[in-house]
PDB file of N, CA and C in Angstrom:
ATOM      1  N   MET A   1      28.967 -38.080  25.947  1.00  0.00           N
ATOM      2  CA  MET A   1      27.525 -37.416  26.130  1.00  0.00           C
ATOM      3  C   MET A   1      27.559 -35.825  25.806  1.00  0.00           C
ATOM      4  N   LYS A   2      26.396 -35.904  25.506  1.00  0.00           N
ATOM      5  CA  LYS A   2      26.048 -34.202  24.810  1.00  0.00           C
ATOM      6  C   LYS A   2      25.533 -33.891  26.276  1.00  0.00           C
ATOM      7  N   THR A   3      26.002 -32.331  26.577  1.00  0.00           N
ATOM      8  CA  THR A   3      25.468 -31.690  27.916  1.00  0.00           C
ATOM      9  C   THR A   3      24.622 -30.498  27.105  1.00  0.00           C
ATOM     10  N   GLU A   4      24.868 -30.051  25.931  1.00  0.00           N
ATOM     11  CA  GLU A   4      24.541 -28.854  25.259  1.00  0.00           C
ATOM     12  C   GLU A   4      23.752 -29.072  24.229  1.00  0.00           C
ATOM     13  N   LEU A   5      22.757 -28.437  23.682  1.00  0.00           N
ATOM     14  CA  LEU A   5      22.013 -28.678  22.605  1.00  0.00           C
ATOM     15  C   LEU A   5      23.078 -28.064  21.579  1.00  0.00           C
ATOM     16  N   ASP A   6      23.381 -29.045  20.606  1.00  0.00           N
ATOM     17  CA  ASP A   6      23.686 -28.614  19.185  1.00  0.00           C
ATOM     18  C   ASP A   6      22.984 -28.066  18.042  1.00  0.00           C
ATOM     19  N   ILE A   7      23.263 -26.727  17.746  1.00  0.00           N
ATOM     20  CA  ILE A   7      22.261 -25.869  17.008  1.00  0.00           C
ATOM     21  C   ILE A   7      22.472 -26.308  15.835  1.00  0.00           C
ATOM     22  N   ASP A   8      23.915 -26.698  15.731  1.00  0.00           N
ATOM     23  CA  ASP A   8      24.425 -27.057  14.045  1.00  0.00           C
ATOM     24  C   ASP A   8      23.571 -28.285  13.529  1.00  0.00           C
ATOM     25  N   ASP A   9      23.186 -28.858  14.297  1.00  0.00           N
ATOM     26  CA  ASP A   9      22.676 -30.410  13.706  1.00  0.00           C
ATOM     27  C   ASP A   9      21.658 -30.492  12.953  1.00  0.00           C
ATOM     28  N   MET A  10      20.756 -28.930  12.761  1.00  0.00           N
ATOM     29  CA  MET A  10      19.941 -29.132  11.607  1.00  0.00           C
ATOM     30  C   MET A  10      20.346 -28.776  10.370  1.00  0.00           C
ATOM     31  N   PRO A  11      20.458 -29.137   9.027  1.00  0.00           N
ATOM     32  CA  PRO A  11      21.080 -28.860   8.111  1.00  0.00           C
ATOM     33  C   PRO A  11      20.508 -27.238   7.719  1.00  0.00           C
ATOM     34  N   ASP A  12      21.324 -26.296   6.661  1.00  0.00           N
ATOM     35  CA  ASP A  12      20.962 -25.149   6.351  1.00  0.00           C
ATOM     36  C   ASP A  12      19.989 -25.115   5.359  1.00  0.00           C
ATOM     37  N   GLU A  13      20.052 -25.955   4.684  1.00  0.00           N
ATOM     38  CA  GLU A  13      18.860 -26.519   3.706  1.00  0.00           C
ATOM     39  C   GLU A  13      18.742 -27.620   3.711  1.00  0.00           C
ATOM     40  N   VAL A  14      17.148 -28.153   2.951  1.00  0.00           N
ATOM     41  CA  VAL A  14      16.546 -29.440   3.130  1.00  0.00           C
ATOM     42  C   VAL A  14      16.326 -29.941   1.699  1.00  0.00           C
ATOM     43  N   ASP A  15      16.745 -30.971   1.504  1.00  0.00           N
ATOM     44  CA  ASP A  15      16.150 -31.310  -0.197  1.00  0.00           C
ATOM     45  C   ASP A  15      14.959 -32.094  -0.561  1.00  0.00           C
ATOM     46  N   PHE A  16      13.924 -31.379  -0.635  1.00  0.00           N
ATOM     47  CA  PHE A  16      12.651 -31.823  -0.678  1.00  0.00           C
ATOM     48  C   PHE A  16      11.969 -32.510  -2.179  1.00  0.00           C
ATOM     49  N   SER A  17      13.354 -32.579  -2.936  1.00  0.00           N
ATOM     50  CA  SER A  17      13.202 -32.648  -4.305  1.00  0.00           C
ATOM     51  C   SER A  17      12.623 -34.353  -4.404  1.00  0.00           C
ATOM     52  N   ARG A  18      12.838 -35.029  -3.578  1.00  0.00           N
ATOM     53  CA  ARG A  18      12.291 -36.468  -3.879  1.00  0.00           C
ATOM     54  C   ARG A  18      10.916 -36.611  -3.125  1.00  0.00           C
ATOM     55  N   GLY A  19      10.551 -35.538  -2.272  1.00  0.00           N
ATOM     56  CA  GLY A  19       9.160 -35.685  -1.826  1.00  0.00           C
ATOM     57  C   GLY A  19       8.147 -36.036  -2.577  1.00  0.00           C
ATOM     58  N   GLU A  20       7.342 -36.416  -1.871  1.00  0.00           N
ATOM     59  CA  GLU A  20       5.830 -36.400  -2.505  1.00  0.00           C
ATOM     60  C   GLU A  20       4.712 -35.579  -2.213  1.00  0.00           C
ATOM     61  N   ARG A  21       4.362 -34.973  -3.252  1.00  0.00           N
ATOM     62  CA  ARG A  21       3.024 -34.102  -2.911  1.00  0.00           C
ATOM     63  C   ARG A  21       1.998 -34.607  -2.250  1.00  0.00           C
ATOM     64  N   GLY A  22       1.383 -34.272  -1.270  1.00  0.00           N
ATOM     65  CA  GLY A  22      -0.160 -35.302  -0.842  1.00  0.00           C
ATOM     66  C   GLY A  22      -0.041 -36.582  -0.504  1.00  0.00           C
ATOM     67  N   ARG A  23       1.034 -37.035  -0.186  1.00  0.00           N
ATOM     68  CA  ARG A  23       1.267 -38.347  -0.027  1.00  0.00           C
ATOM     69  C   ARG A  23       0.215 -38.987   0.832  1.00  0.00           C
ATOM     70  N   PHE A  24      -0.144 -38.399   2.011  1.00  0.00           N
ATOM     71  CA  PHE A  24      -1.045 -38.753   2.892  1.00  0.00           C
ATOM     72  C   PHE A  24      -2.365 -38.204   2.914  1.00  0.00           C
ATOM     73  N   ALA A  25      -2.511 -37.225   1.870  1.00  0.00           N
ATOM     74  CA  ALA A  25      -3.859 -36.340   2.108  1.00  0.00           C
ATOM     75  C   ALA A  25      -4.791 -37.789   1.219  1.00  0.00           C
ATOM     76  N   GLY A  26      -6.029 -37.327   1.751  1.00  0.00           N
ATOM     77  CA  GLY A  26      -6.942 -38.461   0.988  1.00  0.00           C
ATOM     78  C   GLY A  26      -7.315 -39.810   1.637  1.00  0.00           C
ATOM     79  N   ARG A  27      -6.530 -40.168   2.803  1.00  0.00           N
ATOM     80  CA  ARG A  27      -6.472 -41.277   3.868  1.00  0.00           C
ATOM     81  C   ARG A  27      -7.401 -41.130   4.644  1.00  0.00           C
ATOM     82  N   LEU A  28      -8.501 -39.611   5.098  1.00  0.00           N
ATOM     83  CA  LEU A  28      -9.528 -39.509   5.772  1.00  0.00           C
ATOM     84  C   LEU A  28     -10.644 -38.834   4.620  1.00  0.00           C
ATOM     85  N   PRO A  29     -12.310 -39.166   4.912  1.00  0.00           N
ATOM     86  CA  PRO A  29     -13.027 -38.573   4.178  1.00  0.00           C
ATOM     87  C   PRO A  29     -12.862 -37.184   3.911  1.00  0.00           C
ATOM     88  N   ALA A  30     -13.360 -36.003   3.485  1.00  0.00           N
ATOM     89  CA  ALA A  30     -13.073 -34.924   3.409  1.00  0.00           C
ATOM     90  C   ALA A  30     -13.973 -34.110   4.727  1.00  0.00           C
ATOM     91  N   ASP A  31     -15.251 -35.270   5.049  1.00  0.00           N
ATOM     92  CA  ASP A  31     -16.181 -34.668   6.406  1.00  0.00           C
ATOM     93  C   ASP A  31     -15.564 -35.578   7.512  1.00  0.00           C
ATOM     94  N   ALA A  32     -14.376 -36.035   7.849  1.00  0.00           N
ATOM     95  CA  ALA A  32     -14.048 -36.797   8.768  1.00  0.00           C
ATOM     96  C   ALA A  32     -13.494 -35.933   9.993  1.00  0.00           C
ATOM     97  N   THR A  33     -13.714 -36.102  11.342  1.00  0.00           N
ATOM     98  CA  THR A  33     -13.107 -35.352  12.259  1.00  0.00           C
ATOM     99  C   THR A  33     -12.308 -36.224  13.176  1.00  0.00           C
ATOM    100  N   LEU A  34     -11.398 -35.519  13.204  1.00  0.00           N
ATOM    101  CA  LEU A  34     -10.281 -36.323  13.909  1.00  0.00           C
ATOM    102  C   LEU A  34     -10.337 -36.297  15.566  1.00  0.00           C
ATOM    103  N   VAL A  35     -10.747 -36.952  16.358  1.00  0.00           N
ATOM    104  CA  VAL A  35     -10.958 -36.729  18.063  1.00  0.00           C
ATOM    105  C   VAL A  35      -9.652 -37.556  18.382  1.00  0.00           C
ATOM    106  N   VAL A  36      -9.223 -37.039  19.732  1.00  0.00           N
ATOM    107  CA  VAL A  36      -8.321 -37.631  20.633  1.00  0.00           C
ATOM    108  C   VAL A  36      -8.911 -38.224  21.671  1.00  0.00           C
ATOM    109  N   ILE A  37      -8.693 -39.434  22.196  1.00  0.00           N
ATOM    110  CA  ILE A  37      -9.545 -39.881  23.359  1.00  0.00           C
ATOM    111  C   ILE A  37      -8.352 -40.604  24.095  1.00  0.00           C
ATOM    112  N   GLU A  38      -8.743 -40.298  25.337  1.00  0.00           N
ATOM    113  CA  GLU A  38      -7.668 -40.743  26.663  1.00  0.00           C
ATOM    114  C   GLU A  38      -7.383 -42.474  26.256  1.00  0.00           C
ATOM    115  N   PRO A  39      -6.373 -42.759  27.188  1.00  0.00           N
ATOM    116  CA  PRO A  39      -6.136 -44.354  27.063  1.00  0.00           C
ATOM    117  C   PRO A  39      -7.022 -45.121  27.902  1.00  0.00           C
ATOM    118  N   ASP A  40      -7.659 -44.762  28.921  1.00  0.00           N
ATOM    119  CA  ASP A  40      -8.639 -45.228  29.613  1.00  0.00           C
ATOM    120  C   ASP A  40      -9.796 -45.627  28.890  1.00  0.00           C
ATOM    121  N   VAL A  41     -10.231 -44.752  28.000  1.00  0.00           N
ATOM    122  CA  VAL A  41     -11.395 -45.003  27.465  1.00  0.00           C
ATOM    123  C   VAL A  41     -10.930 -45.855  25.932  1.00  0.00           C
ATOM    124  N   ALA A  42      -9.802 -45.374  25.474  1.00  0.00           N
ATOM    125  CA  ALA A  42      -9.616 -46.240  24.499  1.00  0.00           C
ATOM    126  C   ALA A  42      -9.252 -47.960  24.467  1.00  0.00           C
ATOM    127  N   LYS A  43      -9.022 -48.114  25.777  1.00  0.00           N
ATOM    128  CA  LYS A  43      -9.259 -49.548  26.302  1.00  0.00           C
ATOM    129  C   LYS A  43     -10.353 -50.169  26.394  1.00  0.00           C
ATOM    130  N   ALA A  44     -11.582 -49.320  26.719  1.00  0.00           N
ATOM    131  CA  ALA A  44     -12.680 -49.931  26.697  1.00  0.00           C
ATOM    132  C   ALA A  44     -13.521 -49.649  25.500  1.00  0.00           C
ATOM    133  N   PHE A  45     -13.137 -48.863  24.701  1.00  0.00           N
ATOM    134  CA  PHE A  45     -13.362 -48.959  22.954  1.00  0.00           C
ATOM    135  C   PHE A  45     -12.218 -48.932  22.125  1.00  0.00           C
ATOM    136  N   PRO A  46     -11.777 -49.799  21.819  1.00  0.00           N
ATOM    137  CA  PRO A  46     -10.153 -49.881  21.034  1.00  0.00           C
ATOM    138  C   PRO A  46     -10.788 -49.551  19.492  1.00  0.00           C
ATOM    139  N   THR A  47     -11.764 -49.472  19.090  1.00  0.00           N
ATOM    140  CA  THR A  47     -11.913 -49.137  17.661  1.00  0.00           C
ATOM    141  C   THR A  47     -13.243 -48.347  17.243  1.00  0.00           C
ATOM    142  N   ALA A  48     -12.817 -47.505  16.068  1.00  0.00           N
ATOM    143  CA  ALA A  48     -13.569 -46.341  15.997  1.00  0.00           C
ATOM    144  C   ALA A  48     -15.162 -46.744  15.957  1.00  0.00           C
ATOM    145  N   SER A  49     -15.347 -47.979  15.240  1.00  0.00           N
ATOM    146  CA  SER A  49     -16.813 -48.361  15.369  1.00  0.00           C
ATOM    147  C   SER A  49     -17.350 -48.682  16.724  1.00  0.00           C
ATOM    148  N   GLU A  50     -16.727 -49.381  17.561  1.00  0.00           N
ATOM    149  CA  GLU A  50     -17.062 -48.978  18.985  1.00  0.00           C
ATOM    150  C   GLU A  50     -17.332 -47.821  19.887  1.00  0.00           C
ATOM    151  N   VAL A  51     -16.570 -46.673  19.504  1.00  0.00           N
ATOM    152  CA  VAL A  51     -16.704 -45.424  19.995  1.00  0.00           C
ATOM    153  C   VAL A  51     -17.427 -44.952  19.556  1.00  0.00           C
ATOM    154  N   ASN A  52     -18.105 -44.977  17.939  1.00  0.00           N
ATOM    155  CA  ASN A  52     -18.997 -44.430  17.466  1.00  0.00           C
ATOM    156  C   ASN A  52     -20.522 -45.151  18.298  1.00  0.00           C
ATOM    157  N   SER A  53     -20.428 -46.782  18.275  1.00  0.00           N
ATOM    158  CA  SER A  53     -21.564 -46.956  18.448  1.00  0.00           C
ATOM    159  C   SER A  53     -22.161 -46.376  19.802  1.00  0.00           C
ATOM    160  N   ALA A  54     -21.090 -46.700  20.892  1.00  0.00           N
ATOM    161  CA  ALA A  54     -21.551 -45.880  22.113  1.00  0.00           C
ATOM    162  C   ALA A  54     -21.691 -44.624  22.240  1.00  0.00           C
ATOM    163  N   LEU A  55     -21.142 -43.794  21.604  1.00  0.00           N
ATOM    164  CA  LEU A  55     -21.925 -42.448  21.169  1.00  0.00           C
ATOM    165  C   LEU A  55     -23.168 -42.296  20.740  1.00  0.00           C
ATOM    166  N   ARG A  56     -23.237 -43.247  19.829  1.00  0.00           N
ATOM    167  CA  ARG A  56     -25.083 -42.965  19.307  1.00  0.00           C
ATOM    168  C   ARG A  56     -26.157 -43.349  20.402  1.00  0.00           C
ATOM    169  N   ILE A  57     -25.498 -44.470  21.045  1.00  0.00           N
ATOM    170  CA  ILE A  57     -26.336 -44.935  22.245  1.00  0.00           C
ATOM    171  C   ILE A  57     -26.646 -43.602  23.198  1.00  0.00           C
ATOM    172  N   LEU A  58     -25.525 -43.224  23.464  1.00  0.00           N
ATOM    173  CA  LEU A  58     -25.687 -42.014  24.541  1.00  0.00           C
ATOM    174  C   LEU A  58     -26.562 -40.551  24.111  1.00  0.00           C
ATOM    175  N   MET A  59     -25.985 -40.757  22.987  1.00  0.00           N
ATOM    176  CA  MET A  59     -27.177 -39.620  22.041  1.00  0.00           C
ATOM    177  C   MET A  59     -28.946 -39.719  22.260  1.00  0.00           C
ATOM    178  N   LYS A  60     -28.937 -41.203  21.685  1.00  0.00           N
ATOM    179  CA  LYS A  60     -30.383 -42.017  22.016  1.00  0.00           C
ATOM    180  C   LYS A  60     -31.201 -41.452  23.556  1.00  0.00           C
ATOM    181  N   ALA A  61     -29.868 -41.749  24.672  1.00  0.00           N
ATOM    182  CA  ALA A  61     -30.554 -42.028  25.840  1.00  0.00           C
ATOM    183  C   ALA A  61     -30.554 -40.275  26.288  1.00  0.00           C
ATOM    184  N   ALA A  62     -29.700 -39.256  25.768  1.00  0.00           N
ATOM    185  CA  ALA A  62     -29.507 -38.017  26.386  1.00  0.00           C
ATOM    186  C   ALA A  62     -31.138 -37.422  25.631  1.00  0.00           C
ATOM    187  N   ALA A  63     -31.595 -37.767  24.255  1.00  0.00           N
ATOM    188  CA  ALA A  63     -32.946 -37.649  23.446  1.00  0.00           C
ATOM    189  C   ALA A  63     -33.888 -37.773  24.171  1.00  0.00           C
ATOM    190  N   ALA A  64     -34.134 -39.144  24.468  1.00  0.00           N
ATOM    191  CA  ALA A  64     -35.109 -39.351  25.381  1.00  0.00           C
ATOM    192  C   ALA A  64     -35.296 -39.167  27.041  1.00  0.00           C
ATOM    193  N   VAL A  65     -33.893 -38.283  27.384  1.00  0.00           N
ATOM    194  CA  VAL A  65     -34.346 -37.935  29.061  1.00  0.00           C
ATOM    195  C   VAL A  65     -35.123 -36.461  28.709  1.00  0.00           C
ATOM    196  N   GLU A  66     -36.238 -36.188  29.267  1.00  0.00           N
ATOM    197  CA  GLU A  66     -37.124 -34.809  29.315  1.00  0.00           C
ATOM    198  C   GLU A  66     -36.183 -34.018  30.262  1.00  0.00           C
ATOM    199  N   ILE A  67     -35.589 -32.719  30.077  1.00  0.00           N
ATOM    200  CA  ILE A  67     -34.916 -31.881  30.789  1.00  0.00           C
ATOM    201  C   ILE A  67     -35.872 -31.146  31.399  1.00  0.00           C
ATOM    202  N   PRO A  68     -35.511 -30.957  32.832  1.00  0.00           N
ATOM    203  CA  PRO A  68     -36.987 -30.257  33.691  1.00  0.00           C
ATOM    204  C   PRO A  68     -36.254 -28.692  33.532  1.00  0.00           C
ATOM    205  N   SER A  69     -37.434 -27.863  33.223  1.00  0.00           N
ATOM    206  CA  SER A  69     -37.211 -26.623  33.160  1.00  0.00           C
ATOM    207  C   SER A  69     -36.741 -25.798  34.100  1.00  0.00           C
ATOM    208  N   THR A  70     -36.038 -25.174  34.050  1.00  0.00           N
ATOM    209  CA  THR A  70     -35.298 -24.295  35.252  1.00  0.00           C
ATOM    210  C   THR A  70     -36.131 -23.148  35.499  1.00  0.00           C
ATOM    211  N   ARG A  71     -36.813 -22.906  34.875  1.00  0.00           N
ATOM    212  CA  ARG A  71     -37.762 -21.503  34.839  1.00  0.00           C
ATOM    213  C   ARG A  71     -39.003 -21.576  35.605  1.00  0.00           C
ATOM    214  N   LYS A  72     -39.335 -20.439  36.536  1.00  0.00           N
ATOM    215  CA  LYS A  72     -40.413 -20.618  37.595  1.00  0.00           C
ATOM    216  C   LYS A  72     -41.301 -20.081  36.963  1.00  0.00           C
ATOM    217  N   ALA A  73     -42.657 -20.634  37.063  1.00  0.00           N
ATOM    218  CA  ALA A  73     -43.901 -20.274  36.603  1.00  0.00           C
ATOM    219  C   ALA A  73     -44.226 -19.127  37.134  1.00  0.00           C
ATOM    220  N   SER A  74     -44.835 -18.321  36.166  1.00  0.00           N
ATOM    221  CA  SER A  74     -45.393 -16.724  36.746  1.00  0.00           C
ATOM    222  C   SER A  74     -46.710 -16.493  37.175  1.00  0.00           C
TER     223      SER A  74
END
């Protein structure tokens, strides 16, 4: 069993000659925003479409609520 970190495990040089440039590029649309949600939220909304639907409902509800002014009348 190793008790110390072996720094020599990493090679001095890595051969990237067989690598594919941009292999994972283009999987998301250019205007996409990646958001990480907590596990409990993911249980309730397991797909992106369910998350988006719930957020749209929340946006409509928030827009429908009139926020009272905190300014005092003069």
